[in-house]
Amino acid sequence: MKIVICGASAAGLSCLSTLIKQKKDIECTIISEEKIYPYSRCLLTYHLGREVTEKEIEITNPDFFPDNVKWIFGERIIKIDTNKKNVFTDKGNCFEYDKLLLALGAEAIKPPYMLQSDRIFNLRYLEDSVAIDRKLRNSAVVIGGGFVGIKTAYGLIRRGITPTLVMASHYPLSTTIDEETGLIVKDILSGMGIQIYTGADVKEVRQKNSILYLLLSNEKVLDCDVAIVGKGVKPRVKEIDNSGINIKTGILVDEFMQTSIKDIYAAGDCCETYDMVMEKRVINAIWPNAVEQGYYAALNMLNFKISYPGSIAMNSIKTDYFHLISAGNLKDGEAKFFTHYVKSKKQLRKIAIKNGQIVGCALLNDPDYAGVIVELIKNKKPVTDTFVDRVVKGSISPLEYYRKFQEV
């Protein structure tokens, strides 16, 4: 059986390793647009902060894979002939498949003003980090208050540069956590020395010699060496626009990770899968979900017919100043929230419940219960208000909590 995998990041690599473990008599071709060995995008902010080298963020060396795995670097797919089962690349090559995985990932959102200067970057690929490093000397502005923006700001701090943070929302992480938690995070970021402008965006860009000037919507002007835009990502689907594969925001897949075209599967940030909390198909673009989806895609490509149970939104950011874990839906206006905040420790436990089930959580500087709470969210275990209240107030020890989890 000939299998082609388009994409050599989390989902593609997970699929590949699963295929190899499960079945030896396959021919597998994995196509990567990048020209270097696969690496962890999660570590790019650490690379920018000079805490890890290019070698240290490498995930795997293709030389260690068996001979029946063919690696294609520096080529991008531009067309799929679903009738003849061929994949074409921008280098003029054609690859035949019996089963195809689309693990195309996502691309960073690029506001129009990025075209106005060679000192404005995203941080999505290793080449972005390298390019930023060439231009960066003493100052930087990070645009975007999501997890990528905050991790980027922290990476800059680790290399001795305290950036300015600009966000259109009124508090950090506004798409994933509630306002109360977000304002606490904002206070911590300010305590790190970061100048924060909320409710603002870049209105105009100017450049003089090696200095970049950003005019904000609040009329403030910021000057810096570089600006790094972290305003989210969008699925990469333009490569398959004319393939006949059903696309909404991302590629639509069924419970077996198969697209609308037989023998073509999708996994990772490019596809929409079932969200256990939202109870609909969404894009939960995080590394662990992509790995999991790649695993299920591989099993179903081998005809095991195992349903992917779905994912939940989940994020974690750990710095020397704070550790925040969030999961599920903290933006549901119908949910009931249980909160315990110890200001002196900057420690917060917040759990949201709806219809007798936990639907979301935020744990700030208190990660001990995270794994169990996430399992409760995923498995939709019934809980009582009294139980959740005791959990957030810490009157149940981790051991008691675990036992209670086993009971419910």
Protein backbone atom coordinates (compact mmCIF):
# COMPACT_ATOMS: atom_id res chain seq x y z
CA MET A 1 0.00 0.00 0.00
CA LYS A 2 1.27 3.44 -0.95
CA ILE A 3 0.66 6.19 1.61
CA VAL A 4 1.47 9.87 1.09
CA ILE A 5 1.59 12.29 4.03
CA CYS A 6 1.52 16.01 3.23
CA GLY A 7 3.05 17.81 6.20
CA ALA A 8 5.91 16.88 8.52
CA SER A 9 4.88 18.45 11.80
CA ALA A 10 2.89 17.07 14.75
CA ALA A 11 0.02 15.35 12.91
CA GLY A 12 2.09 14.08 9.98
CA LEU A 13 4.88 12.69 12.16
CA SER A 14 2.41 11.06 14.55
CA CYS A 15 0.66 9.39 11.63
CA LEU A 16 3.97 8.22 10.17
CA SER A 17 5.29 6.69 13.40
CA THR A 18 1.96 4.93 14.01
CA LEU A 19 1.92 3.50 10.49
CA ILE A 20 5.45 2.16 10.88
CA LYS A 21 4.66 0.53 14.21
CA GLN A 22 1.46 -1.08 12.97
CA LYS A 23 2.43 -2.23 9.49
CA LYS A 24 5.81 -2.84 7.91
CA ASP A 25 4.79 -3.59 4.32
CA ILE A 26 3.84 -0.08 3.22
CA GLU A 27 5.50 2.50 1.04
CA CYS A 28 5.25 5.88 2.71
CA THR A 29 6.18 9.27 1.26
CA ILE A 30 6.16 12.32 3.54
CA ILE A 31 6.28 15.73 1.89
CA SER A 32 7.46 18.83 3.77
CA GLU A 33 7.46 22.37 2.44
CA GLU A 34 10.37 23.21 4.72
CA LYS A 35 13.92 22.33 3.73
CA ILE A 36 15.11 21.17 7.15
CA TYR A 37 14.49 18.26 9.48
CA PRO A 38 11.18 18.29 11.40
CA TYR A 39 11.24 20.43 14.55
CA SER A 40 8.92 21.51 17.35
CA ARG A 41 7.09 24.77 16.66
CA CYS A 42 6.21 24.86 20.36
CA LEU A 43 9.86 25.66 21.10
CA LEU A 44 10.28 28.55 18.67
CA THR A 45 9.85 31.19 21.38
CA TYR A 46 12.61 29.45 23.34
CA HIS A 47 14.78 29.51 20.24
CA LEU A 48 14.07 33.22 19.86
CA GLY A 49 15.04 33.63 23.52
CA ARG A 50 18.32 31.81 22.80
CA GLU A 51 17.51 29.11 25.34
CA VAL A 52 17.64 26.29 22.79
CA THR A 53 19.55 25.75 19.57
CA GLU A 54 18.24 24.63 16.18
CA LYS A 55 19.56 21.15 16.91
CA GLU A 56 17.74 21.02 20.25
CA ILE A 57 14.31 21.74 18.76
CA GLU A 58 14.74 19.00 16.16
CA ILE A 59 12.10 16.29 16.65
CA THR A 60 13.46 13.47 14.57
CA ASN A 61 16.12 12.68 12.02
CA PRO A 62 14.75 11.07 8.85
CA ASP A 63 17.91 8.93 8.64
CA PHE A 64 16.57 6.86 11.56
CA PHE A 65 13.45 5.77 9.63
CA PRO A 66 13.28 2.53 7.62
CA ASP A 67 13.99 2.41 3.89
CA ASN A 68 10.29 2.21 3.00
CA VAL A 69 9.85 5.84 4.14
CA LYS A 70 10.73 8.47 1.54
CA TRP A 71 11.26 12.07 2.64
CA ILE A 72 10.63 14.99 0.29
CA PHE A 73 11.86 18.35 1.57
CA GLY A 74 11.31 21.82 0.15
CA GLU A 75 8.21 20.97 -1.89
CA ARG A 76 4.63 22.18 -1.51
CA ILE A 77 1.56 20.37 -2.80
CA ILE A 78 -0.38 22.38 -5.35
CA LYS A 79 -2.89 19.87 -6.71
CA ILE A 80 -4.60 16.58 -5.90
CA ASP A 81 -6.12 14.41 -8.63
CA THR A 82 -8.61 12.45 -6.55
CA ASN A 83 -9.64 10.23 -9.49
CA LYS A 84 -6.16 9.05 -10.43
CA LYS A 85 -4.97 9.36 -6.80
CA ASN A 86 -1.99 11.59 -7.55
CA VAL A 87 -0.45 14.46 -5.58
CA PHE A 88 1.45 17.17 -7.45
CA THR A 89 4.04 19.54 -5.99
CA ASP A 90 5.37 22.94 -7.00
CA LYS A 91 8.61 21.28 -8.14
CA GLY A 92 6.77 19.37 -10.85
CA ASN A 93 6.82 16.03 -9.05
CA CYS A 94 3.88 13.63 -8.91
CA PHE A 95 3.29 11.07 -6.15
CA GLU A 96 0.78 8.23 -6.42
CA TYR A 97 -1.15 7.15 -3.33
CA ASP A 98 -3.60 4.53 -2.10
CA LYS A 99 -4.25 6.54 1.08
CA LEU A 100 -3.45 10.22 1.57
CA LEU A 101 -3.11 12.26 4.77
CA LEU A 102 -3.43 16.05 4.64
CA ALA A 103 -1.51 17.40 7.62
CA LEU A 104 -1.07 20.86 6.13
CA GLY A 105 -1.15 22.69 9.46
CA ALA A 106 -2.02 26.34 9.80
CA GLU A 107 -0.49 29.62 8.72
CA ALA A 108 -0.07 32.74 10.81
CA ILE A 109 -2.50 35.57 10.17
CA LYS A 110 -0.75 38.41 8.35
CA PRO A 111 -2.38 41.84 8.72
CA PRO A 112 -1.95 44.11 5.65
CA TYR A 113 0.52 46.39 7.43
CA MET A 114 3.07 43.54 7.46
CA LEU A 115 3.74 44.32 3.80
CA GLN A 116 4.92 47.83 4.68
CA SER A 117 8.17 46.88 6.40
CA ASP A 118 10.82 44.16 6.41
CA ARG A 119 10.98 44.51 10.20
CA ILE A 120 7.55 43.01 10.94
CA PHE A 121 7.39 39.25 11.39
CA ASN A 122 5.26 36.33 12.41
CA LEU A 123 6.85 33.60 14.51
CA ARG A 124 5.54 30.43 12.88
CA TYR A 125 8.62 28.81 11.35
CA LEU A 126 12.24 28.43 12.35
CA GLU A 127 13.24 30.76 9.53
CA ASP A 128 11.09 33.46 11.17
CA SER A 129 13.05 33.17 14.41
CA VAL A 130 16.33 33.34 12.51
CA ALA A 131 15.17 36.41 10.55
CA ILE A 132 14.00 38.19 13.71
CA ASP A 133 17.34 37.51 15.37
CA ARG A 134 19.18 39.22 12.50
CA LYS A 135 17.20 42.46 12.92
CA LEU A 136 16.71 42.51 16.69
CA ARG A 137 19.01 44.56 18.87
CA ASN A 138 17.43 46.33 21.82
CA SER A 139 13.68 46.73 21.39
CA ALA A 140 10.60 44.88 20.15
CA VAL A 141 6.83 45.22 20.00
CA VAL A 142 4.64 42.13 20.17
CA ILE A 143 1.22 42.53 18.54
CA GLY A 144 -1.38 40.12 19.86
CA GLY A 145 -2.33 39.06 23.38
CA GLY A 146 -2.90 35.35 22.85
CA PHE A 147 -0.72 32.47 23.98
CA VAL A 148 1.72 32.95 21.08
CA GLY A 149 2.05 36.67 21.81
CA ILE A 150 2.67 36.12 25.51
CA LYS A 151 5.15 33.29 24.92
CA THR A 152 6.96 35.47 22.38
CA ALA A 153 7.13 38.34 24.88
CA TYR A 154 8.55 35.98 27.48
CA GLY A 155 11.13 34.64 25.01
CA LEU A 156 12.31 38.21 24.42
CA ILE A 157 12.55 38.84 28.15
CA ARG A 158 14.73 35.73 28.51
CA ARG A 159 17.24 37.25 26.09
CA GLY A 160 17.27 40.56 27.96
CA ILE A 161 14.73 42.57 25.94
CA THR A 162 11.48 43.63 27.61
CA PRO A 163 8.95 44.16 24.82
CA THR A 164 5.83 46.28 24.52
CA LEU A 165 2.63 44.24 24.13
CA VAL A 166 -0.22 45.56 21.97
CA MET A 167 -3.60 43.81 21.83
CA ALA A 168 -6.98 44.65 20.34
CA SER A 169 -8.83 43.02 23.25
CA HIS A 170 -9.17 44.52 26.71
CA TYR A 171 -7.30 41.73 28.45
CA PRO A 172 -4.81 39.00 27.48
CA LEU A 173 -5.95 35.59 26.24
CA SER A 174 -9.45 36.94 25.63
CA THR A 175 -10.38 34.18 23.16
CA THR A 176 -9.68 31.38 25.63
CA ILE A 177 -10.20 32.58 29.20
CA ASP A 178 -12.67 34.76 31.09
CA GLU A 179 -12.14 38.41 31.92
CA GLU A 180 -11.36 37.92 35.61
CA THR A 181 -8.56 35.46 34.88
CA GLY A 182 -7.32 37.59 31.99
CA LEU A 183 -7.02 40.71 34.14
CA ILE A 184 -4.97 38.80 36.71
CA VAL A 185 -2.63 37.67 33.93
CA LYS A 186 -2.43 41.26 32.69
CA ASP A 187 -1.36 42.38 36.17
CA ILE A 188 1.35 39.71 36.25
CA LEU A 189 2.62 40.70 32.80
CA SER A 190 2.81 44.33 33.90
CA GLY A 191 4.79 43.19 36.93
CA MET A 192 7.27 41.58 34.53
CA GLY A 193 7.99 45.07 33.18
CA ILE A 194 5.95 44.71 30.00
CA GLN A 195 4.20 47.87 28.81
CA ILE A 196 0.73 46.81 27.71
CA TYR A 197 -1.67 48.65 25.41
CA THR A 198 -5.14 47.10 25.33
CA GLY A 199 -7.98 47.93 22.96
CA ALA A 200 -5.41 49.01 20.39
CA ASP A 201 -4.05 47.84 17.06
CA VAL A 202 -1.56 49.02 14.49
CA LYS A 203 -2.99 51.79 12.34
CA GLU A 204 0.05 52.82 10.31
CA VAL A 205 3.64 51.68 9.83
CA ARG A 206 6.66 53.79 9.01
CA GLN A 207 10.34 52.99 8.85
CA LYS A 208 13.43 55.16 8.89
CA ASN A 209 16.74 53.42 8.43
CA SER A 210 16.77 50.60 11.01
CA ILE A 211 13.99 52.00 13.19
CA LEU A 212 10.38 50.89 12.88
CA TYR A 213 7.59 53.26 13.91
CA LEU A 214 4.11 51.93 14.73
CA LEU A 215 1.17 54.33 14.93
CA LEU A 216 -1.52 52.71 17.07
CA SER A 217 -5.26 53.21 16.85
CA ASN A 218 -5.04 55.09 20.19
CA GLU A 219 -2.64 57.55 18.48
CA LYS A 220 0.35 56.29 20.49
CA VAL A 221 3.57 55.93 18.45
CA LEU A 222 5.98 53.11 19.30
CA ASP A 223 9.49 52.79 17.93
CA CYS A 224 11.41 49.52 17.91
CA ASP A 225 13.86 47.30 16.06
CA VAL A 226 11.21 44.72 15.14
CA ALA A 227 7.52 43.96 15.57
CA ILE A 228 6.29 40.39 15.96
CA VAL A 229 2.68 39.68 15.07
CA GLY A 230 0.90 36.92 16.98
CA LYS A 231 -2.75 37.39 16.03
CA GLY A 232 -3.62 33.75 15.63
CA VAL A 233 -3.53 31.22 12.82
CA LYS A 234 -5.83 29.98 10.10
CA PRO A 235 -5.96 26.51 8.49
CA ARG A 236 -3.91 25.96 5.36
CA VAL A 237 -6.47 24.86 2.83
CA LYS A 238 -5.72 26.90 -0.30
CA GLU A 239 -3.56 24.03 -1.62
CA ILE A 240 -6.68 21.86 -1.99
CA ASP A 241 -9.24 24.48 -3.08
CA ASN A 242 -10.07 22.70 -6.33
CA SER A 243 -9.81 19.13 -5.10
CA GLY A 244 -13.49 18.62 -4.30
CA ILE A 245 -12.74 18.04 -0.61
CA ASN A 246 -15.34 19.66 1.64
CA ILE A 247 -13.97 22.69 3.47
CA LYS A 248 -15.64 25.05 5.91
CA THR A 249 -13.10 27.04 7.90
CA GLY A 250 -10.88 23.98 7.85
CA ILE A 251 -11.07 20.58 6.19
CA LEU A 252 -14.14 18.67 7.33
CA VAL A 253 -13.53 15.11 8.53
CA ASP A 254 -15.74 12.37 9.92
CA GLU A 255 -15.20 10.39 13.13
CA PHE A 256 -12.57 8.29 11.33
CA MET A 257 -10.58 11.39 10.29
CA GLN A 258 -11.61 10.81 6.65
CA THR A 259 -12.50 13.76 4.43
CA SER A 260 -15.45 13.87 2.02
CA ILE A 261 -13.24 12.07 -0.53
CA LYS A 262 -12.64 8.35 0.05
CA ASP A 263 -9.08 7.39 1.06
CA ILE A 264 -8.12 11.01 1.84
CA TYR A 265 -7.71 11.84 5.53
CA ALA A 266 -6.82 15.02 7.41
CA ALA A 267 -5.40 15.75 10.84
CA GLY A 268 -4.03 18.65 12.85
CA ASP A 269 -4.50 22.38 12.57
CA CYS A 270 -5.88 22.24 9.03
CA CYS A 271 -9.04 20.30 9.92
CA GLU A 272 -12.22 20.65 11.92
CA THR A 273 -12.96 17.89 14.41
CA TYR A 274 -15.57 17.27 17.10
CA ASP A 275 -15.19 19.36 20.25
CA MET A 276 -16.40 17.44 23.32
CA VAL A 277 -17.52 20.58 25.17
CA MET A 278 -18.89 22.68 22.31
CA GLU A 279 -20.48 19.55 20.79
CA LYS A 280 -19.72 20.65 17.24
CA ARG A 281 -16.84 20.61 14.81
CA VAL A 282 -14.23 23.28 15.48
CA ILE A 283 -10.49 23.76 15.09
CA ASN A 284 -8.54 23.18 18.31
CA ALA A 285 -5.13 24.02 16.92
CA ILE A 286 -2.70 22.75 19.54
CA TRP A 287 0.18 20.30 19.30
CA PRO A 288 -1.23 17.46 21.50
CA ASN A 289 -4.50 17.40 19.56
CA ALA A 290 -2.60 17.21 16.27
CA VAL A 291 -0.53 14.28 17.57
CA GLU A 292 -3.66 12.47 18.70
CA GLN A 293 -5.47 13.08 15.42
CA GLY A 294 -2.48 11.85 13.42
CA TYR A 295 -2.56 8.64 15.46
CA TYR A 296 -6.25 7.99 14.80
CA ALA A 297 -5.87 8.89 11.13
CA ALA A 298 -3.11 6.29 10.77
CA LEU A 299 -5.17 3.55 12.38
CA ASN A 300 -8.11 4.27 10.10
CA MET A 301 -5.91 4.45 7.02
CA LEU A 302 -4.98 0.88 7.95
CA ASN A 303 -8.72 0.03 8.17
CA PHE A 304 -8.92 -0.44 11.96
CA LYS A 305 -12.09 1.71 11.99
CA ILE A 306 -11.53 3.37 15.36
CA SER A 307 -13.52 6.55 16.04
CA TYR A 308 -11.68 9.66 17.15
CA PRO A 309 -13.48 10.75 20.36
CA GLY A 310 -12.81 14.44 19.80
CA SER A 311 -10.79 17.14 21.49
CA ILE A 312 -11.18 20.11 23.78
CA ALA A 313 -9.56 23.52 23.71
CA MET A 314 -6.55 23.43 26.01
CA ASN A 315 -3.49 25.60 26.52
CA SER A 316 -0.59 25.91 28.92
CA ILE A 317 2.02 28.58 29.37
CA LYS A 318 4.81 28.34 31.93
CA THR A 319 7.28 31.10 32.70
CA ASP A 320 9.49 32.06 35.63
CA TYR A 321 6.68 34.43 36.68
CA PHE A 322 3.52 32.36 36.30
CA HIS A 323 2.08 29.06 35.10
CA LEU A 324 -1.37 29.08 33.51
CA ILE A 325 -3.36 26.09 32.32
CA SER A 326 -6.77 26.51 30.72
CA ALA A 327 -9.09 23.94 29.19
CA GLY A 328 -12.60 23.66 27.83
CA ASN A 329 -14.98 26.60 27.51
CA LEU A 330 -14.59 29.52 29.91
CA LYS A 331 -16.67 31.84 27.71
CA ASP A 332 -20.06 30.17 28.17
CA GLY A 333 -22.48 32.75 29.56
CA GLU A 334 -24.78 30.00 30.83
CA ALA A 335 -22.10 28.27 32.91
CA LYS A 336 -21.73 28.64 36.67
CA PHE A 337 -18.25 29.62 37.84
CA PHE A 338 -16.52 28.58 41.05
CA THR A 339 -13.44 30.65 41.84
CA HIS A 340 -10.80 30.78 44.55
CA TYR A 341 -8.08 33.42 44.25
CA VAL A 342 -5.15 33.93 46.63
CA LYS A 343 -3.85 37.36 45.67
CA SER A 344 -0.65 37.14 47.68
CA LYS A 345 0.39 34.04 45.71
CA LYS A 346 -1.20 35.09 42.41
CA GLN A 347 -2.88 31.70 42.63
CA LEU A 348 -6.24 31.03 41.03
CA ARG A 349 -8.52 28.04 40.68
CA LYS A 350 -11.55 28.51 38.47
CA ILE A 351 -13.96 25.81 37.32
CA ALA A 352 -17.01 26.30 35.10
CA ILE A 353 -19.89 23.83 35.25
CA LYS A 354 -23.02 23.49 33.15
CA ASN A 355 -25.80 20.94 33.44
CA GLY A 356 -23.94 19.20 36.25
CA GLN A 357 -20.71 18.74 34.27
CA ILE A 358 -17.39 20.56 34.26
CA VAL A 359 -17.03 22.43 30.96
CA GLY A 360 -13.94 24.55 31.59
CA CYS A 361 -11.16 25.44 33.97
CA ALA A 362 -8.35 27.91 34.54
CA LEU A 363 -5.52 27.09 36.93
CA LEU A 364 -3.02 29.83 37.62
CA ASN A 365 0.13 28.85 39.54
CA ASP A 366 -1.70 25.72 40.69
CA PRO A 367 -1.27 22.90 38.16
CA ASP A 368 -1.74 19.91 40.47
CA TYR A 369 -5.37 19.14 39.60
CA ALA A 370 -5.15 19.94 35.90
CA GLY A 371 -4.90 16.42 34.54
CA VAL A 372 -7.87 15.12 36.52
CA ILE A 373 -10.04 18.14 35.71
CA VAL A 374 -9.31 17.75 32.01
CA GLU A 375 -10.36 14.08 32.22
CA LEU A 376 -13.58 15.13 33.94
CA ILE A 377 -14.27 17.58 31.11
CA LYS A 378 -13.54 15.02 28.40
CA ASN A 379 -15.52 12.20 30.02
CA LYS A 380 -18.42 14.45 31.04
CA LYS A 381 -18.49 13.00 34.53
CA PRO A 382 -21.35 14.35 36.68
CA VAL A 383 -20.33 16.64 39.54
CA THR A 384 -22.17 18.55 42.25
CA ASP A 385 -21.82 22.21 43.17
CA THR A 386 -20.58 21.18 46.62
CA PHE A 387 -17.89 18.96 45.17
CA VAL A 388 -16.61 21.64 42.77
CA ASP A 389 -16.70 24.28 45.52
CA ARG A 390 -14.54 22.06 47.74
CA VAL A 391 -12.10 21.49 44.88
CA VAL A 392 -11.54 25.17 44.12
CA LYS A 393 -11.18 26.00 47.81
CA GLY A 394 -8.63 23.25 48.29
CA SER A 395 -10.54 21.38 50.98
CA ILE A 396 -10.07 18.14 49.04
CA SER A 397 -6.50 16.85 48.81
CA PRO A 398 -5.19 15.66 45.43
CA LEU A 399 -5.49 12.04 46.60
CA GLU A 400 -9.07 12.48 47.79
CA TYR A 401 -9.87 14.33 44.61
CA TYR A 402 -8.49 11.50 42.50
CA ARG A 403 -10.54 8.94 44.43
CA LYS A 404 -13.64 11.04 44.01
CA PHE A 405 -12.94 11.27 40.30
CA GLN A 406 -12.77 7.48 40.13
CA GLU A 407 -16.17 7.29 41.86
CA VAL A 408 -17.95 9.77 39.58
